[in-house]
N, C-alpha and C. Protein backbone atom coordinates (compact mmCIF):
# COMPACT_ATOMS: atom_id res chain seq x y z
N MET A 1 -29.07 29.65 73.19
CA MET A 1 -30.09 30.29 72.39
C MET A 1 -30.60 29.27 71.36
N LYS A 2 -31.88 29.00 71.39
CA LYS A 2 -32.50 28.08 70.45
C LYS A 2 -32.80 28.80 69.15
N VAL A 3 -32.53 28.15 68.05
CA VAL A 3 -32.81 28.69 66.72
C VAL A 3 -33.79 27.74 66.04
N LYS A 4 -34.77 28.30 65.38
CA LYS A 4 -35.76 27.47 64.68
C LYS A 4 -35.08 26.62 63.61
N ALA A 5 -35.64 25.46 63.37
CA ALA A 5 -35.07 24.51 62.41
C ALA A 5 -34.97 25.10 61.01
N ALA A 6 -35.96 25.88 60.60
CA ALA A 6 -35.92 26.47 59.25
C ALA A 6 -34.78 27.47 59.13
N VAL A 7 -34.57 28.26 60.18
CA VAL A 7 -33.49 29.26 60.17
C VAL A 7 -32.14 28.53 60.16
N LEU A 8 -32.02 27.51 60.97
CA LEU A 8 -30.78 26.75 61.04
C LEU A 8 -30.47 26.09 59.70
N LYS A 9 -31.48 25.58 59.04
CA LYS A 9 -31.29 24.95 57.73
C LYS A 9 -30.76 25.96 56.72
N LYS A 10 -31.32 27.16 56.74
CA LYS A 10 -30.86 28.22 55.83
C LYS A 10 -29.41 28.59 56.12
N ARG A 11 -29.08 28.72 57.41
CA ARG A 11 -27.71 29.08 57.79
C ARG A 11 -26.72 28.02 57.34
N ARG A 12 -27.10 26.75 57.45
CA ARG A 12 -26.20 25.66 57.05
C ARG A 12 -25.99 25.61 55.55
N GLU A 13 -26.91 26.15 54.79
CA GLU A 13 -26.77 26.17 53.33
C GLU A 13 -25.90 27.33 52.84
N MET A 14 -25.67 28.32 53.70
CA MET A 14 -24.85 29.48 53.32
C MET A 14 -23.38 29.08 53.26
N LYS A 15 -22.61 29.85 52.53
CA LYS A 15 -21.17 29.60 52.42
C LYS A 15 -20.53 29.71 53.81
N GLY A 16 -19.81 28.68 54.22
CA GLY A 16 -19.14 28.67 55.51
C GLY A 16 -20.06 28.33 56.67
N GLY A 17 -21.28 27.89 56.38
CA GLY A 17 -22.25 27.67 57.45
C GLY A 17 -22.58 26.23 57.74
N SER A 18 -21.83 25.28 57.24
CA SER A 18 -22.19 23.88 57.42
C SER A 18 -22.20 23.43 58.88
N ASN A 19 -21.45 24.12 59.74
CA ASN A 19 -21.41 23.72 61.15
C ASN A 19 -22.27 24.62 62.04
N ALA A 20 -23.14 25.41 61.48
CA ALA A 20 -24.00 26.31 62.26
C ALA A 20 -24.87 25.51 63.20
N GLY A 21 -24.90 25.94 64.46
CA GLY A 21 -25.75 25.30 65.44
C GLY A 21 -25.19 24.05 66.08
N LYS A 22 -23.99 23.68 65.76
CA LYS A 22 -23.41 22.44 66.29
C LYS A 22 -22.57 22.63 67.54
N TYR A 23 -22.47 23.85 68.05
CA TYR A 23 -21.63 24.12 69.19
C TYR A 23 -22.45 24.70 70.34
N ALA A 24 -23.23 23.86 70.99
CA ALA A 24 -24.06 24.30 72.12
C ALA A 24 -23.15 24.75 73.26
N GLY A 25 -23.46 25.87 73.83
CA GLY A 25 -22.70 26.38 74.97
C GLY A 25 -21.54 27.29 74.60
N VAL A 26 -21.13 27.32 73.35
CA VAL A 26 -20.04 28.19 72.92
C VAL A 26 -20.62 29.57 72.60
N LYS A 27 -19.97 30.62 73.10
CA LYS A 27 -20.48 31.97 72.90
C LYS A 27 -19.61 32.83 71.99
N GLU A 28 -18.42 32.35 71.62
CA GLU A 28 -17.51 33.16 70.81
C GLU A 28 -17.28 32.51 69.45
N PHE A 29 -17.69 33.22 68.42
CA PHE A 29 -17.56 32.72 67.05
C PHE A 29 -16.94 33.78 66.15
N ALA A 30 -16.10 33.34 65.21
CA ALA A 30 -15.47 34.25 64.25
C ALA A 30 -16.23 34.28 62.93
N GLY A 31 -17.16 33.39 62.74
CA GLY A 31 -17.89 33.30 61.48
C GLY A 31 -18.52 34.60 61.01
N PRO A 32 -19.29 35.29 61.87
CA PRO A 32 -19.91 36.54 61.43
C PRO A 32 -18.89 37.60 60.97
N ALA A 33 -17.71 37.61 61.57
CA ALA A 33 -16.68 38.56 61.15
C ALA A 33 -16.23 38.28 59.71
N GLY A 34 -16.29 37.01 59.33
CA GLY A 34 -15.88 36.62 57.98
C GLY A 34 -17.03 36.47 57.01
N GLY A 35 -18.20 36.94 57.41
CA GLY A 35 -19.35 36.88 56.51
C GLY A 35 -20.12 35.57 56.55
N ALA A 36 -19.72 34.66 57.43
CA ALA A 36 -20.43 33.39 57.59
C ALA A 36 -21.57 33.58 58.58
N PRO A 37 -22.52 32.67 58.61
CA PRO A 37 -23.66 32.82 59.51
C PRO A 37 -23.25 32.73 60.98
N PRO A 38 -24.10 33.27 61.87
CA PRO A 38 -23.83 33.17 63.31
C PRO A 38 -23.73 31.70 63.73
N GLY A 39 -22.88 31.44 64.72
CA GLY A 39 -22.72 30.08 65.22
C GLY A 39 -21.73 29.25 64.45
N THR A 40 -20.90 29.90 63.64
CA THR A 40 -19.89 29.16 62.86
C THR A 40 -18.49 29.64 63.23
N PHE A 41 -17.51 28.78 63.02
CA PHE A 41 -16.11 29.05 63.32
C PHE A 41 -15.92 29.44 64.79
N PRO A 42 -16.12 28.48 65.73
CA PRO A 42 -15.95 28.79 67.15
C PRO A 42 -14.50 29.14 67.47
N VAL A 43 -14.31 30.10 68.37
CA VAL A 43 -12.97 30.52 68.78
C VAL A 43 -12.88 30.68 70.29
N ASN A 44 -13.54 29.82 71.03
CA ASN A 44 -13.51 29.94 72.49
C ASN A 44 -12.26 29.32 73.10
N THR A 45 -11.49 28.57 72.34
CA THR A 45 -10.22 28.01 72.82
C THR A 45 -9.15 28.25 71.75
N LEU A 46 -7.91 28.12 72.16
CA LEU A 46 -6.79 28.30 71.23
C LEU A 46 -6.85 27.24 70.11
N ALA A 47 -7.18 26.01 70.46
CA ALA A 47 -7.26 24.95 69.46
C ALA A 47 -8.35 25.25 68.42
N ARG A 48 -9.48 25.73 68.89
CA ARG A 48 -10.56 26.07 67.95
C ARG A 48 -10.20 27.29 67.11
N ALA A 49 -9.44 28.20 67.67
CA ALA A 49 -9.00 29.38 66.91
C ALA A 49 -8.07 28.94 65.78
N ARG A 50 -7.16 28.02 66.07
CA ARG A 50 -6.27 27.49 65.03
C ARG A 50 -7.07 26.78 63.95
N ASN A 51 -8.09 26.04 64.36
CA ASN A 51 -8.93 25.35 63.41
C ASN A 51 -9.69 26.35 62.53
N ALA A 52 -10.17 27.43 63.13
CA ALA A 52 -10.88 28.46 62.36
C ALA A 52 -9.95 29.07 61.32
N LEU A 53 -8.69 29.29 61.68
CA LEU A 53 -7.72 29.82 60.72
C LEU A 53 -7.50 28.85 59.57
N SER A 54 -7.41 27.57 59.88
CA SER A 54 -7.15 26.60 58.81
C SER A 54 -8.35 26.42 57.88
N ARG A 55 -9.54 26.75 58.37
CA ARG A 55 -10.75 26.61 57.56
C ARG A 55 -11.31 27.95 57.08
N ALA A 56 -10.55 29.01 57.27
CA ALA A 56 -11.02 30.35 56.90
C ALA A 56 -11.34 30.46 55.42
N HIS A 57 -10.68 29.68 54.59
CA HIS A 57 -10.94 29.74 53.14
C HIS A 57 -12.38 29.38 52.79
N LEU A 58 -13.11 28.77 53.71
CA LEU A 58 -14.50 28.41 53.48
C LEU A 58 -15.46 29.57 53.72
N ALA A 59 -15.00 30.61 54.39
CA ALA A 59 -15.84 31.76 54.70
C ALA A 59 -15.91 32.71 53.51
N PRO A 60 -16.99 33.50 53.42
CA PRO A 60 -17.09 34.47 52.32
C PRO A 60 -15.97 35.52 52.33
N ARG A 61 -15.53 35.93 53.51
CA ARG A 61 -14.44 36.92 53.65
C ARG A 61 -13.35 36.35 54.56
N PRO A 62 -12.49 35.48 54.02
CA PRO A 62 -11.49 34.80 54.85
C PRO A 62 -10.54 35.75 55.57
N ASP A 63 -10.13 36.84 54.92
CA ASP A 63 -9.18 37.75 55.56
C ASP A 63 -9.79 38.42 56.80
N ALA A 64 -11.06 38.76 56.75
CA ALA A 64 -11.72 39.38 57.89
C ALA A 64 -11.83 38.38 59.05
N LEU A 65 -12.11 37.14 58.73
CA LEU A 65 -12.18 36.11 59.75
C LEU A 65 -10.81 35.92 60.41
N LYS A 66 -9.77 35.86 59.59
CA LYS A 66 -8.41 35.69 60.12
C LYS A 66 -8.02 36.87 61.01
N ARG A 67 -8.35 38.09 60.58
CA ARG A 67 -8.04 39.27 61.40
C ARG A 67 -8.70 39.16 62.77
N TYR A 68 -9.95 38.73 62.80
CA TYR A 68 -10.67 38.57 64.06
C TYR A 68 -9.93 37.58 64.98
N VAL A 69 -9.53 36.45 64.42
CA VAL A 69 -8.84 35.43 65.22
C VAL A 69 -7.49 35.94 65.70
N TYR A 70 -6.74 36.61 64.83
CA TYR A 70 -5.43 37.11 65.23
C TYR A 70 -5.52 38.17 66.31
N LYS A 71 -6.56 38.99 66.29
CA LYS A 71 -6.74 39.99 67.34
C LYS A 71 -7.15 39.35 68.66
N LYS A 72 -7.93 38.29 68.59
CA LYS A 72 -8.38 37.60 69.80
C LYS A 72 -7.25 36.78 70.41
N PHE A 73 -6.43 36.17 69.56
CA PHE A 73 -5.31 35.35 70.01
C PHE A 73 -4.02 35.88 69.40
N PRO A 74 -3.43 36.92 69.97
CA PRO A 74 -2.22 37.53 69.40
C PRO A 74 -1.04 36.56 69.27
N GLN A 75 -1.02 35.52 70.10
CA GLN A 75 0.08 34.55 70.02
C GLN A 75 0.08 33.79 68.70
N LEU A 76 -1.01 33.82 67.97
CA LEU A 76 -1.07 33.17 66.65
C LEU A 76 -0.63 34.11 65.53
N ALA A 77 -0.43 35.35 65.84
CA ALA A 77 -0.16 36.37 64.81
C ALA A 77 1.32 36.58 64.54
N ASN A 78 2.11 35.52 64.57
CA ASN A 78 3.55 35.66 64.33
C ASN A 78 3.96 35.36 62.90
N SER A 79 3.06 34.86 62.10
CA SER A 79 3.40 34.51 60.72
C SER A 79 3.45 35.77 59.86
N PRO A 80 4.19 35.72 58.75
CA PRO A 80 4.22 36.87 57.84
C PRO A 80 2.83 37.23 57.31
N GLU A 81 1.99 36.21 57.05
CA GLU A 81 0.64 36.47 56.56
C GLU A 81 -0.18 37.24 57.62
N ALA A 82 -0.05 36.84 58.87
CA ALA A 82 -0.78 37.51 59.95
C ALA A 82 -0.32 38.96 60.09
N LYS A 83 0.97 39.17 60.04
CA LYS A 83 1.50 40.53 60.18
C LYS A 83 1.03 41.41 59.02
N LYS A 84 0.95 40.84 57.84
CA LYS A 84 0.48 41.61 56.69
C LYS A 84 -1.01 41.97 56.86
N LEU A 85 -1.81 41.00 57.29
CA LEU A 85 -3.24 41.25 57.51
C LEU A 85 -3.49 42.31 58.58
N LEU A 86 -2.64 42.31 59.60
CA LEU A 86 -2.80 43.25 60.70
C LEU A 86 -2.08 44.57 60.46
N GLY A 87 -1.41 44.70 59.31
CA GLY A 87 -0.73 45.94 58.97
C GLY A 87 0.58 46.13 59.70
N LYS A 88 1.22 45.02 60.10
CA LYS A 88 2.47 45.11 60.84
C LYS A 88 3.65 44.54 60.07
N GLY A 89 3.42 44.14 58.84
CA GLY A 89 4.46 43.51 58.05
C GLY A 89 5.27 44.51 57.27
N LYS A 90 6.30 44.02 56.58
CA LYS A 90 7.16 44.87 55.77
C LYS A 90 6.42 45.43 54.56
N GLY A 91 5.33 44.76 54.17
CA GLY A 91 4.57 45.21 53.01
C GLY A 91 3.85 46.52 53.23
N LYS A 92 3.72 46.96 54.45
CA LYS A 92 3.01 48.22 54.72
C LYS A 92 3.89 49.23 55.36
């Protein structure tokens, strides 16, 4: 999907949007779940999902982004933080 240059420039200026439009061919992104613009935080592979988790602090809503990744890749949801976010920890 082609995006106009002006729209792409705006998206890149938003919080968590510096990589918007840089992943041609990727269809799965966690950015919108975390309040970042479309086309950010790709999660089409396990490695990219891990990277999205490590950079979630850059998104406007990091916890929502992390929840999206943990639901998509349950094998990453073994940490105490993940269990708490998903409502499976001792805290709930």
